[in-house]
N, C-alpha and C. Protein backbone atom coordinates (compact mmCIF):
# COMPACT_ATOMS: atom_id res chain seq x y z
N MET A 1 81.22 70.04 64.40
CA MET A 1 81.55 70.81 65.53
C MET A 1 82.75 71.92 65.11
N ALA A 2 83.52 71.51 64.43
CA ALA A 2 84.39 72.46 63.68
C ALA A 2 83.95 73.43 63.20
N ALA A 3 83.15 73.12 62.10
CA ALA A 3 82.25 73.99 61.68
C ALA A 3 81.69 75.08 62.49
N ALA A 4 80.97 74.91 63.53
CA ALA A 4 80.37 75.82 64.35
C ALA A 4 81.54 76.28 64.83
N VAL A 5 82.75 76.03 65.39
CA VAL A 5 83.68 76.58 65.95
C VAL A 5 84.20 77.80 64.70
N ALA A 6 84.24 77.51 63.71
CA ALA A 6 84.72 78.13 62.78
C ALA A 6 83.68 78.87 62.27
N ALA A 7 82.48 78.79 62.18
CA ALA A 7 81.35 79.69 62.17
C ALA A 7 81.49 80.90 63.27
N VAL A 8 81.48 80.38 64.48
CA VAL A 8 81.65 81.32 65.59
C VAL A 8 83.21 82.31 65.57
N GLY A 9 83.86 81.77 65.29
CA GLY A 9 85.71 82.53 65.43
C GLY A 9 86.22 82.13 66.52
N ALA A 10 87.17 81.87 66.46
CA ALA A 10 88.28 81.71 67.85
C ALA A 10 87.82 82.36 68.99
N LEU A 11 87.93 81.86 70.03
CA LEU A 11 87.30 82.57 71.31
C LEU A 11 88.43 83.34 71.90
N PRO A 12 88.41 84.74 72.10
CA PRO A 12 89.15 85.65 72.53
C PRO A 12 90.12 84.79 74.33
N VAL A 13 91.29 85.18 74.30
CA VAL A 13 91.76 85.04 75.64
C VAL A 13 91.12 86.23 76.40
N PRO A 14 90.62 85.79 77.93
CA PRO A 14 90.12 86.60 78.72
C PRO A 14 91.13 87.66 79.08
N VAL A 15 91.12 89.02 78.98
CA VAL A 15 91.87 89.88 79.51
C VAL A 15 91.28 90.87 80.35
N ALA A 16 92.18 91.82 81.20
CA ALA A 16 91.71 92.70 82.05
C ALA A 16 91.41 94.13 81.28
N GLY A 17 90.72 94.43 80.81
CA GLY A 17 90.70 95.65 79.96
C GLY A 17 89.70 96.86 80.77
N SER A 18 89.18 97.77 79.81
CA SER A 18 88.52 99.05 80.21
C SER A 18 86.98 98.42 80.57
N SER A 19 86.07 99.08 80.99
CA SER A 19 84.83 98.73 81.13
C SER A 19 83.93 98.94 79.57
N LEU A 20 84.55 99.54 78.80
CA LEU A 20 84.16 99.46 77.36
C LEU A 20 84.44 98.09 76.70
N GLU A 21 85.45 97.98 76.98
CA GLU A 21 85.79 96.55 76.46
C GLU A 21 85.47 95.33 76.85
N ARG A 22 84.71 95.16 78.33
CA ARG A 22 84.51 94.58 79.28
C ARG A 22 82.88 94.40 78.26
N ASP A 23 82.05 95.49 78.39
CA ASP A 23 81.03 95.68 78.09
C ASP A 23 80.55 95.11 76.41
N ALA A 24 81.50 95.46 75.91
CA ALA A 24 81.53 94.94 74.31
C ALA A 24 81.72 93.42 74.20
N ARG A 25 82.50 92.79 75.27
CA ARG A 25 82.79 91.24 75.20
C ARG A 25 81.67 90.63 75.96
N LEU A 26 80.56 91.27 76.86
CA LEU A 26 79.46 91.01 77.32
C LEU A 26 78.37 90.88 76.36
N GLU A 27 78.28 91.80 75.16
CA GLU A 27 77.51 91.91 74.08
C GLU A 27 77.64 90.65 73.16
N GLN A 28 78.92 90.27 72.74
CA GLN A 28 79.15 89.15 72.42
C GLN A 28 79.01 88.08 72.84
N ILE A 29 79.27 88.12 73.97
CA ILE A 29 78.84 86.81 74.83
C ILE A 29 77.01 86.42 74.55
N ASP A 30 76.82 87.82 74.85
CA ASP A 30 75.33 87.44 74.97
C ASP A 30 74.57 87.41 73.63
N ALA A 31 75.35 87.74 72.76
CA ALA A 31 74.75 87.32 71.30
C ALA A 31 74.96 85.91 70.84
N ARG A 32 76.05 85.32 71.44
CA ARG A 32 76.30 83.76 71.24
C ARG A 32 75.15 82.89 72.02
N GLU A 33 75.11 83.88 73.31
CA GLU A 33 74.23 82.63 73.91
C GLU A 33 72.38 82.75 73.88
N LYS A 34 72.53 83.89 73.12
CA LYS A 34 70.77 83.68 72.70
C LYS A 34 70.79 83.40 70.91
N ALA A 35 71.78 82.97 70.35
CA ALA A 35 71.67 82.03 69.06
C ALA A 35 71.81 80.96 69.25
N ALA A 36 72.19 80.13 70.34
CA ALA A 36 72.25 78.90 70.64
C ALA A 36 70.98 78.55 71.12
N ALA A 37 70.73 77.24 70.80
CA ALA A 37 69.78 76.58 71.21
C ALA A 37 69.19 76.76 72.64
N GLU A 38 67.49 76.81 73.17
CA GLU A 38 67.36 77.17 73.76
C GLU A 38 67.90 76.00 75.23
N GLY A 39 68.25 76.35 76.41
CA GLY A 39 68.49 75.56 77.43
C GLY A 39 67.41 74.82 78.34
N PRO A 40 67.35 74.20 79.06
CA PRO A 40 69.00 73.77 79.52
C PRO A 40 69.19 72.94 78.51
N TRP A 41 70.48 72.04 78.60
CA TRP A 41 71.35 71.41 77.92
C TRP A 41 71.58 70.35 78.90
N CYS A 42 71.70 68.87 78.66
CA CYS A 42 72.05 67.96 79.22
C CYS A 42 72.96 66.86 78.30
N THR A 43 73.58 65.93 78.97
CA THR A 43 74.47 64.99 78.70
C THR A 43 74.01 63.54 78.70
N ASP A 44 74.70 62.70 77.84
CA ASP A 44 74.59 61.05 78.30
C ASP A 44 75.84 60.52 78.36
N GLY A 45 76.96 61.52 78.38
CA GLY A 45 78.11 60.81 78.41
C GLY A 45 78.92 61.89 77.41
N TRP A 46 79.43 61.58 76.30
CA TRP A 46 79.90 62.64 75.53
C TRP A 46 79.08 63.65 74.36
N GLU A 47 77.63 62.90 74.33
CA GLU A 47 77.11 64.01 73.59
C GLU A 47 76.04 64.85 74.35
N ILE A 48 75.65 65.69 73.96
CA ILE A 48 74.93 66.73 74.20
C ILE A 48 73.71 67.09 73.87
N TRP A 49 72.39 67.10 74.63
CA TRP A 49 71.11 67.13 74.22
C TRP A 49 70.48 68.26 74.72
N GLN A 50 69.41 69.23 74.29
CA GLN A 50 68.65 69.70 74.45
C GLN A 50 68.03 69.14 75.82
N GLY A 51 67.57 69.77 76.91
CA GLY A 51 66.43 69.16 78.10
C GLY A 51 67.49 69.37 79.34
N ALA A 52 66.44 69.29 80.46
CA ALA A 52 67.04 69.06 81.73
C ALA A 52 67.48 67.50 81.84
N ALA A 53 67.10 66.29 81.36
CA ALA A 53 67.96 64.88 81.27
C ALA A 53 67.38 64.42 79.97
N TYR A 54 68.44 63.81 79.75
CA TYR A 54 68.13 62.80 78.52
C TYR A 54 67.43 61.72 78.23
N GLU A 55 66.54 61.53 78.00
CA GLU A 55 65.59 60.45 78.01
C GLU A 55 65.14 59.71 76.11
N PRO A 56 66.40 58.69 76.14
CA PRO A 56 66.29 58.16 74.72
C PRO A 56 64.71 57.79 74.31
N GLY A 57 64.68 58.07 73.12
CA GLY A 57 63.39 57.76 72.32
C GLY A 57 62.48 58.79 72.05
N LEU A 58 62.46 60.04 73.12
CA LEU A 58 61.89 61.25 73.01
C LEU A 58 62.55 61.70 72.14
N SER A 59 61.69 63.32 71.89
CA SER A 59 62.35 64.07 70.63
C SER A 59 63.26 64.83 71.56
N ALA A 60 64.11 64.80 72.39
CA ALA A 60 65.32 65.29 72.54
C ALA A 60 66.21 65.81 71.33
N ARG A 61 66.74 66.90 71.20
CA ARG A 61 67.44 67.60 70.32
C ARG A 61 68.58 67.25 70.36
N TRP A 62 69.59 66.80 69.47
CA TRP A 62 71.22 66.57 69.80
C TRP A 62 71.72 67.64 69.43
N ILE A 63 72.49 68.68 70.35
CA ILE A 63 73.34 69.66 70.20
C ILE A 63 74.51 69.42 69.31
N GLY A 64 75.55 68.17 70.14
CA GLY A 64 76.77 67.83 69.60
C GLY A 64 77.38 66.50 70.32
N GLU A 65 78.38 66.87 70.30
CA GLU A 65 79.27 65.85 70.99
C GLU A 65 81.00 66.31 71.19
N THR A 66 81.46 65.87 72.57
CA THR A 66 82.60 66.03 72.70
C THR A 66 83.67 64.82 72.45
N CYS A 67 83.42 64.18 71.95
CA CYS A 67 84.10 62.45 71.82
C CYS A 67 85.26 62.99 71.01
N THR A 68 86.62 62.72 71.35
CA THR A 68 87.52 63.63 70.77
C THR A 68 88.11 62.13 70.04
N GLY A 69 87.59 60.73 70.44
CA GLY A 69 88.15 59.49 69.65
C GLY A 69 89.35 59.17 69.71
N VAL A 70 90.09 59.57 70.89
CA VAL A 70 91.30 59.23 71.42
C VAL A 70 91.51 58.21 72.54
N GLY A 71 90.23 57.89 73.13
CA GLY A 71 90.29 56.51 74.14
C GLY A 71 89.91 57.26 75.36
N ASP A 72 90.08 58.51 75.74
CA ASP A 72 89.70 59.38 77.03
C ASP A 72 88.64 59.37 77.29
N LEU A 73 87.36 58.64 77.55
CA LEU A 73 86.34 58.85 77.63
C LEU A 73 85.74 59.73 79.01
N ALA A 74 86.60 59.66 80.32
CA ALA A 74 86.41 60.38 80.84
C ALA A 74 86.32 61.72 80.80
N GLN A 75 87.61 62.39 80.13
CA GLN A 75 87.72 63.36 79.93
C GLN A 75 86.56 64.16 78.48
N ASP A 76 86.25 63.27 77.70
CA ASP A 76 85.03 63.67 76.58
C ASP A 76 84.15 63.89 77.58
N GLU A 77 83.29 63.13 78.64
CA GLU A 77 82.39 63.25 79.59
C GLU A 77 82.25 64.82 80.09
N ALA A 78 83.74 65.02 81.01
CA ALA A 78 83.94 65.94 81.69
C ALA A 78 83.93 67.07 80.73
N ASN A 79 84.24 67.16 79.10
CA ASN A 79 84.11 68.30 78.10
C ASN A 79 82.63 68.06 78.02
N ALA A 80 81.97 67.25 78.03
CA ALA A 80 80.33 67.22 77.41
C ALA A 80 79.69 67.93 78.63
N ALA A 81 79.82 67.62 79.79
CA ALA A 81 79.22 68.17 80.88
C ALA A 81 79.55 69.92 81.48
N PHE A 82 80.49 70.00 80.71
CA PHE A 82 80.78 71.30 80.82
C PHE A 82 80.46 72.06 80.01
N THR A 83 80.42 71.72 78.45
CA THR A 83 79.55 72.28 77.61
C THR A 83 78.10 72.57 77.61
N ALA A 84 77.43 71.50 78.08
CA ALA A 84 76.14 71.33 78.69
C ALA A 84 75.74 72.53 80.06
N HIS A 85 76.73 72.56 80.76
CA HIS A 85 76.25 73.71 81.73
C HIS A 85 76.58 75.05 81.60
N ALA A 86 77.40 75.12 80.57
CA ALA A 86 77.89 76.42 79.83
C ALA A 86 76.40 77.04 79.45
N ARG A 87 75.49 76.47 78.96
CA ARG A 87 74.22 77.01 78.47
C ARG A 87 73.55 78.06 79.67
N THR A 88 73.32 77.19 80.85
CA THR A 88 72.81 78.15 81.50
C THR A 88 74.16 78.48 82.58
N ASP A 89 75.12 78.23 82.90
CA ASP A 89 76.13 78.84 83.64
C ASP A 89 76.48 79.95 82.77
N VAL A 90 76.69 80.49 81.64
CA VAL A 90 77.02 81.53 80.95
C VAL A 90 75.81 82.91 81.07
N PRO A 91 74.93 82.63 81.02
CA PRO A 91 73.80 83.96 81.19
C PRO A 91 74.03 84.23 82.37
N TRP A 92 74.20 83.42 83.26
CA TRP A 92 74.09 83.33 84.70
C TRP A 92 75.89 84.31 85.29
N LEU A 93 76.43 83.73 84.47
CA LEU A 93 77.63 84.66 84.73
C LEU A 93 77.77 86.08 84.36
N VAL A 94 76.97 85.94 83.17
CA VAL A 94 77.12 87.34 82.57
C VAL A 94 76.26 88.29 83.03
N ALA A 95 75.07 88.08 84.00
CA ALA A 95 74.13 88.67 84.68
C ALA A 95 75.13 89.12 86.02
N GLN A 96 75.89 88.15 86.25
CA GLN A 96 76.54 88.63 87.62
C GLN A 96 77.98 89.79 87.22
N VAL A 97 78.54 89.61 86.26
CA VAL A 97 79.11 90.40 85.59
C VAL A 97 78.81 91.96 85.48
N ARG A 98 77.28 91.90 85.03
CA ARG A 98 77.06 93.22 84.73
C ARG A 98 76.46 93.68 86.18
N GLU A 99 75.53 92.85 86.90
CA GLU A 99 75.53 93.51 88.36
C GLU A 99 76.83 94.11 89.17
N LEU A 100 77.86 93.10 89.17
CA LEU A 100 78.89 93.76 89.97
C LEU A 100 79.55 95.07 89.16
N ALA A 101 79.22 95.05 87.94
CA ALA A 101 79.81 96.44 87.54
C ALA A 101 79.02 97.41 87.49
N ALA A 102 77.87 97.20 87.75
CA ALA A 102 76.75 98.38 88.00
C ALA A 102 77.01 98.76 89.79
N GLU A 103 77.50 97.93 90.21
CA GLU A 103 78.08 98.22 91.86
C GLU A 103 78.90 98.56 91.84
N LYS A 104 79.93 98.36 91.34
CA LYS A 104 81.37 99.09 90.89
C LYS A 104 81.15 100.41 90.76
N VAL A 105 80.08 100.99 89.97
CA VAL A 105 80.14 101.92 89.44
C VAL A 105 79.02 103.19 90.72
N GLY A 106 78.65 102.65 91.17
CA GLY A 106 77.98 102.93 92.31
C GLY A 106 78.44 103.34 93.47
N LEU A 107 79.64 102.35 94.01
CA LEU A 107 80.60 102.62 94.79
C LEU A 107 81.90 103.75 94.58
N ARG A 108 81.83 103.70 93.32
CA ARG A 108 83.13 104.73 92.82
C ARG A 108 82.30 106.31 93.08
N ALA A 109 81.18 106.47 92.87
CA ALA A 109 80.03 107.33 93.06
C ALA A 109 80.32 107.64 94.55
N ARG A 110 79.69 106.94 94.94
CA ARG A 110 79.67 106.84 96.43
C ARG A 110 81.52 107.57 97.28
N VAL A 111 82.22 106.83 96.41
CA VAL A 111 83.86 107.14 97.22
C VAL A 111 83.84 108.60 96.76
N ALA A 112 83.65 108.85 95.48
CA ALA A 112 83.97 110.69 95.04
C ALA A 112 82.92 111.51 96.17
N GLU A 113 81.49 110.99 96.38
CA GLU A 113 81.10 111.98 97.21
C GLU A 113 81.61 111.93 98.43
N LEU A 114 82.15 110.81 99.12
CA LEU A 114 83.03 111.02 100.10
C LEU A 114 84.10 112.05 99.98
N GLU A 115 85.03 111.92 99.14
CA GLU A 115 85.76 112.08 99.12
C GLU A 115 85.44 113.76 99.20
N ALA A 116 84.67 114.35 98.46
CA ALA A 116 83.92 115.46 98.44
C ALA A 116 83.73 116.14 99.64
N GLU A 117 82.94 115.45 100.14
CA GLU A 117 82.98 115.74 101.96
C GLU A 117 84.06 115.74 102.61
N ARG A 118 84.85 114.84 102.39
CA ARG A 118 86.02 114.70 103.27
C ARG A 118 87.35 116.15 103.15
N GLY A 119 86.87 116.43 101.85
CA GLY A 119 87.84 117.97 101.54
C GLY A 119 86.76 119.01 102.00
N GLU A 120 85.67 119.25 101.89
CA GLU A 120 84.58 119.96 102.81
C GLU A 120 85.06 120.40 103.90
N LEU A 121 85.05 119.06 104.51
CA LEU A 121 85.35 118.78 106.24
C LEU A 121 86.87 119.60 106.27
N ASN A 122 87.86 119.49 105.85
CA ASN A 122 89.20 119.64 105.96
C ASN A 122 89.50 121.03 105.84
N ALA A 123 88.89 121.69 104.85
CA ALA A 123 88.36 123.25 104.54
C ALA A 123 87.82 123.99 105.72
N MET A 124 87.21 123.31 106.10
CA MET A 124 86.18 123.76 107.48
C MET A 124 86.75 123.51 108.77
N VAL A 125 87.78 122.79 108.73
CA VAL A 125 88.96 122.45 110.25
C VAL A 125 89.96 123.41 109.93
N ARG A 126 90.50 123.67 108.37
CA ARG A 126 91.44 124.77 108.61
C ARG A 126 91.13 126.07 108.70
N SER A 127 89.65 126.66 108.01
CA SER A 127 89.00 128.02 108.42
C SER A 127 88.92 127.96 110.30
N SER A 128 88.36 127.20 110.80
CA SER A 128 88.00 127.01 112.11
C SER A 128 89.80 126.99 112.69
N ASN A 129 90.22 126.64 112.53
CA ASN A 129 91.89 126.68 112.91
C ASN A 129 92.09 127.88 113.10
N ALA A 130 92.24 128.68 111.59
CA ALA A 130 92.74 130.18 111.32
C ALA A 130 91.83 130.87 112.22
N ALA A 131 90.46 130.99 112.72
CA ALA A 131 89.55 131.47 113.25
C ALA A 131 89.97 131.64 114.90
N ALA A 132 90.45 130.08 115.06
CA ALA A 132 90.93 129.93 116.63
C ALA A 132 92.44 130.88 116.72
N VAL A 133 92.82 130.46 115.79
CA VAL A 133 94.19 131.56 115.95
C VAL A 133 94.11 133.24 116.43
N LYS A 134 92.86 133.44 115.48
CA LYS A 134 92.89 134.81 115.09
C LYS A 134 92.30 135.44 116.35
N ALA A 135 91.20 134.60 117.04
CA ALA A 135 90.49 134.76 118.37
C ALA A 135 91.46 134.69 119.15
N ARG A 136 92.28 133.72 119.49
CA ARG A 136 93.72 133.69 120.91
C ARG A 136 94.41 135.08 120.56
N ALA A 137 94.44 135.55 119.07
CA ALA A 137 95.59 136.46 119.35
C ALA A 137 94.67 137.52 119.82
N ARG A 138 93.52 137.98 119.34
CA ARG A 138 92.69 139.09 119.80
C ARG A 138 92.46 139.02 121.27
N VAL A 139 92.18 137.72 121.86
CA VAL A 139 92.29 138.10 123.50
C VAL A 139 93.47 137.87 123.77
N ALA A 140 94.63 137.82 123.26
CA ALA A 140 95.81 138.40 123.78
C ALA A 140 96.02 140.29 123.75
N GLU A 141 95.57 140.53 122.68
CA GLU A 141 95.49 142.02 122.57
C GLU A 141 94.95 142.30 123.63
N LEU A 142 93.87 141.82 124.01
CA LEU A 142 92.95 142.67 124.76
C LEU A 142 93.20 142.61 125.98
N GLU A 143 93.80 141.29 126.61
CA GLU A 143 94.26 141.16 127.90
C GLU A 143 95.58 142.25 128.19
N ALA A 144 96.58 142.43 126.97
CA ALA A 144 97.41 143.21 127.21
C ALA A 144 96.97 144.51 127.15
N ALA A 145 95.83 145.25 126.21
CA ALA A 145 94.93 146.11 126.82
C ALA A 145 94.75 146.59 128.07
N VAL A 146 93.97 145.26 128.95
CA VAL A 146 93.13 145.62 130.00
C VAL A 146 94.50 145.93 131.05
N ALA A 147 95.75 145.27 130.78
CA ALA A 147 96.83 145.41 131.48
C ALA A 147 97.59 146.85 131.52
N ALA A 148 97.35 147.23 130.38
CA ALA A 148 97.96 149.02 130.40
C ALA A 148 97.16 149.82 131.02
N VAL A 149 95.91 149.50 131.23
CA VAL A 149 95.26 150.29 131.80
C VAL A 149 95.50 150.89 133.47
N PRO A 150 95.84 151.78 133.68
CA PRO A 150 96.54 152.34 135.07
C PRO A 150 95.06 151.71 135.82
N GLY A 151 95.63 151.33 137.11
CA GLY A 151 94.70 150.95 138.22
C GLY A 151 94.10 152.34 139.10
N CYS A 152 93.37 151.67 139.64
CA CYS A 152 92.85 152.27 140.93
C CYS A 152 93.59 153.28 142.03
N ASP A 153 93.35 154.66 142.24
CA ASP A 153 94.39 154.72 143.33
C ASP A 153 94.16 154.29 144.58
N ALA A 154 92.65 154.05 144.56
CA ALA A 154 91.92 153.73 145.95
C ALA A 154 92.60 151.95 146.27
N CYS A 155 92.68 151.09 145.36
CA CYS A 155 92.82 149.68 145.27
C CYS A 155 93.94 148.99 144.75
N GLY A 156 94.47 150.16 143.58
CA GLY A 156 95.86 149.35 142.87
C GLY A 156 95.24 148.67 141.82
N ARG A 157 93.85 148.32 141.62
CA ARG A 157 93.67 147.27 140.82
C ARG A 157 93.14 147.70 139.60
N PRO A 158 93.15 147.10 138.18
CA PRO A 158 92.61 147.90 137.25
C PRO A 158 90.96 148.14 137.64
N TYR A 159 90.48 149.49 136.69
CA TYR A 159 89.24 150.09 136.75
C TYR A 159 88.34 148.84 136.59
N VAL A 160 86.99 148.62 137.57
CA VAL A 160 85.75 147.88 137.51
C VAL A 160 84.61 148.22 137.31
N ALA A 161 84.03 148.52 136.44
CA ALA A 161 82.38 149.04 136.26
C ALA A 161 81.57 148.49 137.63
N GLY A 162 81.44 149.33 137.90
CA GLY A 162 80.09 149.34 139.01
C GLY A 162 80.98 149.90 140.39
N CYS A 163 82.22 149.47 140.48
CA CYS A 163 82.78 149.98 141.90
C CYS A 163 82.72 151.78 141.91
N PRO A 164 82.30 151.95 142.99
CA PRO A 164 81.85 153.41 143.25
C PRO A 164 83.45 153.85 143.57
N ASP A 165 84.51 153.54 143.98
CA ASP A 165 85.71 154.28 144.19
C ASP A 165 86.25 154.33 142.88
N CYS A 166 86.57 152.84 142.12
CA CYS A 166 86.88 153.42 140.60
C CYS A 166 86.34 154.63 140.01
N GLY A 167 84.91 154.01 140.04
CA GLY A 167 84.19 155.38 139.36
C GLY A 167 84.71 156.45 139.95
N ALA A 168 85.26 156.77 141.07
CA ALA A 168 85.29 158.09 141.70
C ALA A 168 87.01 158.26 140.87
N CYS A 169 87.60 157.52 141.10
CA CYS A 169 88.99 157.57 140.41
C CYS A 169 89.16 157.91 139.29
N GLU A 170 87.87 157.50 138.34
CA GLU A 170 87.80 157.86 137.11
C GLU A 170 87.66 159.13 137.08
N ALA A 171 86.66 160.04 137.76
CA ALA A 171 86.36 161.29 137.80
C ALA A 171 87.33 162.20 138.17
N GLY A 172 88.45 161.50 139.08
CA GLY A 172 89.18 162.56 139.74
C GLY A 172 89.57 162.44 141.01
N CYS A 173 88.13 161.88 141.64
CA CYS A 173 88.22 161.67 143.20
C CYS A 173 88.80 160.49 143.83
N TYR A 174 89.73 160.49 144.67
CA TYR A 174 90.74 159.14 145.19
C TYR A 174 90.13 158.39 146.37
N GLY A 175 88.81 158.10 146.19
CA GLY A 175 88.22 157.12 146.83
C GLY A 175 87.53 157.92 148.29
N GLY A 176 86.99 156.86 149.69
CA GLY A 176 86.50 157.56 150.64
C GLY A 176 84.98 157.87 150.70
N HIS A 177 84.26 157.42 149.66
CA HIS A 177 82.80 157.91 149.46
C HIS A 177 81.92 157.02 150.47
N ASP A 178 80.41 157.20 150.39
CA ASP A 178 79.82 156.87 151.16
C ASP A 178 79.80 154.84 150.88
N GLU A 179 80.15 154.67 149.35
CA GLU A 179 80.09 152.95 149.57
C GLU A 179 81.32 152.61 149.60
N PRO A 180 81.68 151.37 149.81
CA PRO A 180 82.63 151.07 150.07
C PRO A 180 83.16 150.22 148.52
N CYS A 181 84.32 149.93 148.33
CA CYS A 181 85.20 149.45 147.09
C CYS A 181 84.97 148.14 147.37
N ILE A 182 84.46 147.51 145.65
CA ILE A 182 84.30 146.16 145.70
C ILE A 182 85.34 145.17 145.81
N HIS A 183 86.63 145.74 145.45
CA HIS A 183 87.83 145.20 145.23
C HIS A 183 88.01 144.50 146.91
N PRO A 184 88.57 143.37 146.54
CA PRO A 184 88.80 142.61 147.78
C PRO A 184 90.30 142.87 148.79
N ASN A 185 91.00 143.48 148.19
CA ASN A 185 92.04 144.41 148.38
C ASN A 185 91.88 145.82 148.78
N ALA A 186 91.15 146.27 148.56
CA ALA A 186 90.98 147.92 149.23
C ALA A 186 91.18 148.19 150.50
N LEU A 187 91.81 148.99 150.44
CA LEU A 187 92.68 149.74 151.66
C LEU A 187 91.58 150.45 152.68
N TRP A 188 90.45 150.52 152.29
CA TRP A 188 89.64 150.79 153.37
C TRP A 188 88.09 150.56 152.90
N GLY A 189 86.80 150.97 153.79
CA GLY A 189 85.52 150.41 153.18
C GLY A 189 85.11 149.55 152.82
N THR A 190 85.82 148.41 152.89
CA THR A 190 85.13 147.19 152.01
C THR A 190 83.98 146.44 152.99
N SER A 191 83.13 145.81 152.39
CA SER A 191 81.84 145.21 153.39
C SER A 191 82.31 144.20 153.44
């Protein structure tokens, strides 16, 4: 077992890093997993065998053992179970990491899309607010212009299109025509 560990090299301590570091580490893990004997693996205590369950006398392939020889049989068995399950756990975990990494890339892209859309909407709101301010200023301008127009001599109100007396006032005539003034406060001829 020591020779196998020496051949593979010391295992690095996991640390968070860039996606490039993660991908490189996953490739190393994948390579070690593919180089190992096919799984699943099982244990009969502290020995690790190839197969789903150890059956004495059959052509089970011995993988290794975790017996430390220091008298802690329960620890040796736990180490063997961990090692045996690693044969199927590691590929599953690598697949999960890759799936989550891909999902993360997709979510980052979606966040970027939403941030761009938010920027566009904020620009539209700013533009709409600016347009509304301009429109309110123009309405105030027009109201002031209407208020500055002299009123009809017949009724005192601003000129109203369609009022015969207002029309007459515009022509220099001061009311009293056949048709009544349509202003409600006209002094004569209201209908």
